[in-house]
Amino acid sequence: MKLAISIFGNKLESPFDPRFGRAAAFCLVDSETGAWTAHENPALSASGGAGVQAAQFITKLGAQAVISGAYGPNAADTLSPAGIEMYLMSGNETCTAAEVLALFKAGKLTKTEAATHAGHHGGSH
């Protein structure tokens, strides 16, 4: 399965970024082969609509699932119809993308079907 993990950095050893729309980057990992690539998040500095733009970017990368700390309603409304599963990882822990991948493989991450917060508007939060 191709997973997109929100990260600070550009490698599998980069720290997990609990933000989705404003994540610094995404690590795209094949959970079966371990092959990965890092991609800067084009929505990082968007004036608004970062969640939707990040979700569209994840879709274009071919991800089948995404792991982040939270999803706003617009991001969830974009990911869900695209068939992309959303998993939650606590932002309270300091983990690398590789460690997040291990937690996913062990079945320790929670899957969500909907937004986990009300969202932010206009980049003011």
C-alpha atoms as a PDB file:
ATOM      1  CA  MET A   1       0.000   0.000   0.000  1.00  0.00           C
ATOM      2  CA  LYS A   2       1.278   3.472  -0.821  1.00  0.00           C
ATOM      3  CA  LEU A   3       1.209   5.643   2.307  1.00  0.00           C
ATOM      4  CA  ALA A   4       1.763   9.381   2.572  1.00  0.00           C
ATOM      5  CA  ILE A   5       3.182  10.381   5.968  1.00  0.00           C
ATOM      6  CA  SER A   6       3.292  14.061   6.942  1.00  0.00           C
ATOM      7  CA  ILE A   7       6.872  15.002   7.887  1.00  0.00           C
ATOM      8  CA  PHE A   8       9.329  17.811   8.639  1.00  0.00           C
ATOM      9  CA  GLY A   9      12.156  17.160   6.180  1.00  0.00           C
ATOM     10  CA  ASN A  10      12.882  15.078   3.111  1.00  0.00           C
ATOM     11  CA  LYS A  11      13.756  11.530   4.173  1.00  0.00           C
ATOM     12  CA  LEU A  12      12.352   8.459   5.903  1.00  0.00           C
ATOM     13  CA  GLU A  13      14.256   9.418   9.068  1.00  0.00           C
ATOM     14  CA  SER A  14      12.632  12.897   9.124  1.00  0.00           C
ATOM     15  CA  PRO A  15      10.444  13.766  12.129  1.00  0.00           C
ATOM     16  CA  PHE A  16       6.688  13.272  11.887  1.00  0.00           C
ATOM     17  CA  ASP A  17       4.704  16.502  11.315  1.00  0.00           C
ATOM     18  CA  PRO A  18       1.251  16.285  12.961  1.00  0.00           C
ATOM     19  CA  ARG A  19      -0.204  18.899  10.609  1.00  0.00           C
ATOM     20  CA  PHE A  20      -1.840  17.755   7.382  1.00  0.00           C
ATOM     21  CA  GLY A  21      -2.569  20.780   5.199  1.00  0.00           C
ATOM     22  CA  ARG A  22       0.402  22.723   6.535  1.00  0.00           C
ATOM     23  CA  ALA A  23       2.818  19.791   6.785  1.00  0.00           C
ATOM     24  CA  ALA A  24       6.287  20.686   5.540  1.00  0.00           C
ATOM     25  CA  ALA A  25       6.413  17.607   3.324  1.00  0.00           C
ATOM     26  CA  PHE A  26       5.059  14.128   2.727  1.00  0.00           C
ATOM     27  CA  CYS A  27       7.026  10.896   2.663  1.00  0.00           C
ATOM     28  CA  LEU A  28       5.412   8.515   0.178  1.00  0.00           C
ATOM     29  CA  VAL A  29       6.231   4.953   1.266  1.00  0.00           C
ATOM     30  CA  ASP A  30       5.338   1.601  -0.215  1.00  0.00           C
ATOM     31  CA  SER A  31       4.462  -0.344   2.941  1.00  0.00           C
ATOM     32  CA  GLU A  32       5.328  -3.650   1.286  1.00  0.00           C
ATOM     33  CA  THR A  33       8.656  -2.876  -0.398  1.00  0.00           C
ATOM     34  CA  GLY A  34       9.863  -0.018   1.821  1.00  0.00           C
ATOM     35  CA  ALA A  35      10.623   2.126  -1.247  1.00  0.00           C
ATOM     36  CA  TRP A  36      10.036   5.804  -0.474  1.00  0.00           C
ATOM     37  CA  THR A  37      10.224   9.311  -1.912  1.00  0.00           C
ATOM     38  CA  ALA A  38       9.861  12.700  -0.207  1.00  0.00           C
ATOM     39  CA  HIS A  39       7.774  15.527  -1.626  1.00  0.00           C
ATOM     40  CA  GLU A  40       7.556  19.132  -0.444  1.00  0.00           C
ATOM     41  CA  ASN A  41       3.970  20.095   0.353  1.00  0.00           C
ATOM     42  CA  PRO A  42       2.885  22.701  -2.236  1.00  0.00           C
ATOM     43  CA  ALA A  43       0.081  23.804   0.124  1.00  0.00           C
ATOM     44  CA  LEU A  44       2.452  24.740   2.963  1.00  0.00           C
ATOM     45  CA  SER A  45       2.341  28.470   2.263  1.00  0.00           C
ATOM     46  CA  ALA A  46      -1.142  28.636   0.703  1.00  0.00           C
ATOM     47  CA  SER A  47      -3.165  31.634   1.847  1.00  0.00           C
ATOM     48  CA  GLY A  48      -6.187  29.371   2.288  1.00  0.00           C
ATOM     49  CA  GLY A  49      -7.473  25.945   1.366  1.00  0.00           C
ATOM     50  CA  ALA A  50      -4.267  24.192   2.429  1.00  0.00           C
ATOM     51  CA  GLY A  51      -6.106  21.019   3.458  1.00  0.00           C
ATOM     52  CA  VAL A  52      -7.804  20.650   0.085  1.00  0.00           C
ATOM     53  CA  GLN A  53      -4.609  21.443  -1.822  1.00  0.00           C
ATOM     54  CA  ALA A  54      -2.598  18.954   0.251  1.00  0.00           C
ATOM     55  CA  ALA A  55      -5.311  16.303  -0.246  1.00  0.00           C
ATOM     56  CA  GLN A  56      -5.278  16.879  -4.013  1.00  0.00           C
ATOM     57  CA  PHE A  57      -1.468  16.607  -3.991  1.00  0.00           C
ATOM     58  CA  ILE A  58      -1.622  13.311  -2.056  1.00  0.00           C
ATOM     59  CA  THR A  59      -4.148  12.023  -4.612  1.00  0.00           C
ATOM     60  CA  LYS A  60      -1.831  12.943  -7.507  1.00  0.00           C
ATOM     61  CA  LEU A  61       1.046  11.113  -5.804  1.00  0.00           C
ATOM     62  CA  GLY A  62      -1.035   7.937  -5.941  1.00  0.00           C
ATOM     63  CA  ALA A  63      -1.288   7.421  -2.182  1.00  0.00           C
ATOM     64  CA  GLN A  64      -3.857   4.920  -0.974  1.00  0.00           C
ATOM     65  CA  ALA A  65      -3.657   6.105   2.628  1.00  0.00           C
ATOM     66  CA  VAL A  66      -2.314   9.056   4.573  1.00  0.00           C
ATOM     67  CA  ILE A  67      -1.005   9.297   8.127  1.00  0.00           C
ATOM     68  CA  SER A  68      -1.148  12.643   9.899  1.00  0.00           C
ATOM     69  CA  GLY A  69      -2.123  14.135  13.244  1.00  0.00           C
ATOM     70  CA  ALA A  70      -5.440  15.721  12.258  1.00  0.00           C
ATOM     71  CA  TYR A  71      -7.720  16.318   9.287  1.00  0.00           C
ATOM     72  CA  GLY A  72      -9.990  19.298   8.723  1.00  0.00           C
ATOM     73  CA  PRO A  73     -13.405  18.920   7.087  1.00  0.00           C
ATOM     74  CA  ASN A  74     -12.280  20.111   3.646  1.00  0.00           C
ATOM     75  CA  ALA A  75      -9.293  17.767   3.611  1.00  0.00           C
ATOM     76  CA  ALA A  76     -11.462  14.838   4.733  1.00  0.00           C
ATOM     77  CA  ASP A  77     -14.101  15.735   2.120  1.00  0.00           C
ATOM     78  CA  THR A  78     -11.385  15.597  -0.552  1.00  0.00           C
ATOM     79  CA  LEU A  79      -9.547  12.468   0.631  1.00  0.00           C
ATOM     80  CA  SER A  80     -12.565  10.288   1.370  1.00  0.00           C
ATOM     81  CA  PRO A  81     -14.238  10.434  -2.094  1.00  0.00           C
ATOM     82  CA  ALA A  82     -10.813   9.735  -3.647  1.00  0.00           C
ATOM     83  CA  GLY A  83     -10.734   6.461  -1.706  1.00  0.00           C
ATOM     84  CA  ILE A  84      -7.748   7.517   0.394  1.00  0.00           C
ATOM     85  CA  GLU A  85      -7.801   6.093   3.915  1.00  0.00           C
ATOM     86  CA  MET A  86      -6.966   8.484   6.771  1.00  0.00           C
ATOM     87  CA  TYR A  87      -4.985   7.305   9.784  1.00  0.00           C
ATOM     88  CA  LEU A  88      -4.209   9.253  12.949  1.00  0.00           C
ATOM     89  CA  MET A  89      -0.871   9.517  14.691  1.00  0.00           C
ATOM     90  CA  SER A  90      -0.478  11.453  17.910  1.00  0.00           C
ATOM     91  CA  GLY A  91       1.596  14.599  17.489  1.00  0.00           C
ATOM     92  CA  ASN A  92       2.687  14.362  21.129  1.00  0.00           C
ATOM     93  CA  GLU A  93       5.347  11.792  20.363  1.00  0.00           C
ATOM     94  CA  THR A  94       8.614  12.408  18.571  1.00  0.00           C
ATOM     95  CA  CYS A  95       8.744   9.790  15.843  1.00  0.00           C
ATOM     96  CA  THR A  96      10.371   9.546  12.456  1.00  0.00           C
ATOM     97  CA  ALA A  97       8.433   8.594   9.346  1.00  0.00           C
ATOM     98  CA  ALA A  98      10.098   5.158   9.565  1.00  0.00           C
ATOM     99  CA  GLU A  99       8.766   4.698  13.119  1.00  0.00           C
ATOM    100  CA  VAL A 100       5.291   5.832  12.040  1.00  0.00           C
ATOM    101  CA  LEU A 101       5.445   3.261   9.228  1.00  0.00           C
ATOM    102  CA  ALA A 102       6.323   0.549  11.777  1.00  0.00           C
ATOM    103  CA  LEU A 103       3.324   1.546  13.936  1.00  0.00           C
ATOM    104  CA  PHE A 104       1.077   1.387  10.856  1.00  0.00           C
ATOM    105  CA  LYS A 105       2.367  -2.069   9.924  1.00  0.00           C
ATOM    106  CA  ALA A 106       1.772  -3.246  13.515  1.00  0.00           C
ATOM    107  CA  GLY A 107      -1.855  -2.080  13.314  1.00  0.00           C
ATOM    108  CA  LYS A 108      -1.393   0.493  16.082  1.00  0.00           C
ATOM    109  CA  LEU A 109      -2.791   3.547  14.273  1.00  0.00           C
ATOM    110  CA  THR A 110      -6.443   4.574  14.358  1.00  0.00           C
ATOM    111  CA  LYS A 111      -8.320   4.941  11.091  1.00  0.00           C
ATOM    112  CA  THR A 112     -10.774   7.828  10.817  1.00  0.00           C
ATOM    113  CA  GLU A 113     -13.636   8.232   8.377  1.00  0.00           C
ATOM    114  CA  ALA A 114     -14.240  11.937   8.991  1.00  0.00           C
ATOM    115  CA  ALA A 115     -12.650  15.248   9.937  1.00  0.00           C
ATOM    116  CA  THR A 116     -10.987  15.344  13.343  1.00  0.00           C
ATOM    117  CA  HIS A 117     -11.407  19.093  13.891  1.00  0.00           C
ATOM    118  CA  ALA A 118     -13.525  21.954  12.575  1.00  0.00           C
ATOM    119  CA  GLY A 119     -10.792  23.308  10.318  1.00  0.00           C
ATOM    120  CA  HIS A 120      -9.000  26.613   9.955  1.00  0.00           C
ATOM    121  CA  HIS A 121     -10.009  29.440   7.723  1.00  0.00           C
ATOM    122  CA  GLY A 122      -7.775  31.731   5.664  1.00  0.00           C
ATOM    123  CA  GLY A 123      -4.546  30.574   7.231  1.00  0.00           C
ATOM    124  CA  SER A 124      -5.143  32.695  10.341  1.00  0.00           C
ATOM    125  CA  HIS A 125      -4.575  29.857  12.819  1.00  0.00           C
END
